[in-house]
Protein backbone atom coordinates (compact mmCIF):
# COMPACT_ATOMS: atom_id res chain seq x y z
CA MET A 1 0.00 0.00 0.00
CA LYS A 2 1.28 3.41 -0.97
CA PRO A 3 0.64 6.89 0.45
CA GLU A 4 -2.67 8.33 -0.74
CA ASP A 5 -4.04 4.84 -1.50
CA LYS A 6 -7.66 4.43 -0.52
CA ALA A 7 -8.14 1.67 2.01
CA LYS A 8 -10.69 0.30 4.45
CA ARG A 9 -10.37 -0.05 8.20
CA LEU A 10 -12.06 -3.08 9.71
CA ARG A 11 -12.83 -2.94 13.42
CA ILE A 12 -14.12 -5.93 15.32
CA TYR A 13 -15.39 -5.21 18.84
CA ILE A 14 -15.35 -8.30 21.07
CA SER A 15 -14.60 -9.31 24.66
CA SER A 16 -11.34 -10.65 26.06
CA THR A 17 -13.26 -13.73 27.21
CA ASP A 18 -14.77 -14.59 23.80
CA ARG A 19 -13.53 -17.93 22.50
CA TYR A 20 -13.82 -19.79 19.24
CA GLU A 21 -13.64 -23.49 19.98
CA HIS A 22 -10.77 -23.59 22.52
CA SER A 23 -8.86 -20.45 21.48
CA PRO A 24 -9.32 -16.78 22.29
CA LEU A 25 -11.35 -15.22 19.47
CA TYR A 26 -8.92 -12.33 19.02
CA GLU A 27 -6.08 -14.82 18.38
CA VAL A 28 -8.18 -16.74 15.87
CA ILE A 29 -8.95 -13.52 13.97
CA VAL A 30 -5.30 -12.37 13.91
CA TYR A 31 -4.01 -15.76 12.73
CA GLU A 32 -6.74 -15.92 10.09
CA ALA A 33 -5.78 -12.42 8.92
CA ARG A 34 -2.13 -13.42 8.58
CA GLY A 35 -3.04 -16.59 6.73
CA TYR A 36 -5.36 -14.62 4.48
CA GLY A 37 -2.50 -12.32 3.46
CA MET A 38 -3.77 -9.16 5.14
CA THR A 39 -1.30 -6.31 5.57
CA GLY A 40 -1.47 -6.51 9.38
CA ALA A 41 -3.72 -6.69 12.41
CA THR A 42 -3.66 -5.06 15.83
CA VAL A 43 -5.55 -6.02 18.99
CA LEU A 44 -6.37 -3.09 21.26
CA LYS A 45 -7.37 -3.74 24.88
CA GLY A 46 -9.88 -1.37 26.41
CA ILE A 47 -9.84 -0.45 30.08
CA MET A 48 -13.60 -0.05 30.32
CA GLY A 49 -16.68 -0.54 28.21
CA PHE A 50 -20.17 -1.97 27.78
CA GLY A 51 -22.14 -3.52 24.97
CA ALA A 52 -25.74 -4.30 24.15
CA SER A 53 -26.22 -5.94 27.56
CA SER A 54 -25.38 -2.57 29.20
CA GLU A 55 -23.17 -4.42 31.71
CA ILE A 56 -20.03 -2.37 32.36
CA TYR A 57 -16.66 -4.14 32.40
CA SER A 58 -13.44 -2.60 33.64
CA ASN A 59 -10.02 -3.66 34.93
CA LYS A 60 -10.50 -2.98 38.62
CA LEU A 61 -8.21 -4.89 40.96
CA TRP A 62 -11.03 -6.46 42.96
CA GLU A 63 -12.74 -8.10 39.98
CA LEU A 64 -12.15 -11.83 39.69
CA SER A 65 -12.32 -12.18 35.93
CA GLU A 66 -10.70 -9.80 33.52
CA LYS A 67 -13.48 -9.44 31.00
CA LEU A 68 -12.43 -6.39 29.01
CA PRO A 69 -13.42 -4.91 25.67
CA LEU A 70 -11.09 -5.64 22.75
CA VAL A 71 -10.89 -4.16 19.27
CA VAL A 72 -9.21 -6.06 16.46
CA GLU A 73 -8.24 -3.54 13.79
CA ILE A 74 -7.13 -4.34 10.25
CA ILE A 75 -6.39 -1.85 7.46
CA ASP A 76 -6.03 -3.07 3.90
CA GLU A 77 -7.27 -2.70 0.33
CA PRO A 78 -11.07 -2.41 0.11
CA ASP A 79 -11.53 -5.69 -1.80
CA LYS A 80 -9.34 -7.63 0.64
CA ILE A 81 -11.25 -6.26 3.64
CA ASP A 82 -14.61 -7.15 2.08
CA SER A 83 -13.43 -10.64 1.23
CA PHE A 84 -11.94 -11.18 4.70
CA ILE A 85 -15.20 -10.17 6.37
CA ASP A 86 -17.03 -12.83 4.36
CA HIS A 87 -14.33 -15.31 5.40
CA ILE A 88 -14.65 -14.70 9.16
CA LYS A 89 -18.43 -14.16 9.47
CA PRO A 90 -19.05 -17.89 10.13
CA TYR A 91 -16.90 -17.68 13.29
CA PHE A 92 -19.27 -15.09 14.73
CA ASP A 93 -22.32 -17.17 13.87
CA LYS A 94 -20.87 -20.00 15.98
CA ILE A 95 -19.76 -18.13 19.12
CA GLY A 96 -23.15 -16.81 20.21
CA LYS A 97 -21.69 -13.78 22.00
CA GLY A 98 -22.29 -10.09 21.46
CA HIS A 99 -20.00 -8.29 19.04
CA ILE A 100 -20.01 -5.60 16.40
CA ILE A 101 -18.03 -5.31 13.18
CA THR A 102 -17.54 -1.95 11.47
CA VAL A 103 -15.82 -0.83 8.29
CA ASP A 104 -14.91 2.67 7.21
CA GLU A 105 -12.89 4.21 4.44
CA THR A 106 -9.47 5.59 5.24
CA THR A 107 -6.46 6.97 3.39
CA ILE A 108 -2.91 5.68 3.79
CA ILE A 109 -0.55 8.49 4.80
CA LEU A 110 2.57 6.42 5.44
CA HIS A 111 3.18 2.69 5.17
CA LYS A 112 6.67 1.41 5.82
CA ARG A 113 7.43 -2.27 6.14
CA GLY A 114 9.47 -3.42 9.09
CA ILE A 115 12.57 -5.57 8.71
CA LYS A 116 12.25 -9.20 9.82
CA LYS A 117 14.95 -10.25 12.23
């Protein structure tokens, strides 16, 4: 991707406790993105949030489970994002948990590849 390229940003809002089969859902999504040839993926951990249930989750010391909001973010070419969404939708049909997936248009300002060590 080059500067000024049009791209799409995919955001997947889930919980840190969401699982697909026996793996954390966020890991499944990131590994699927890598296998699918996406440019990259980032998992962002929220410190507080609530969803459709209106139950608030936060990282207070006295809470026994660390159920926190997560956002998996992927930026890539529009066609690749659209195709990847179709690829991962079946995972969300199977987990039965609350989530939201959004897509918006974005513009690449700078994209520099890192050097593998």
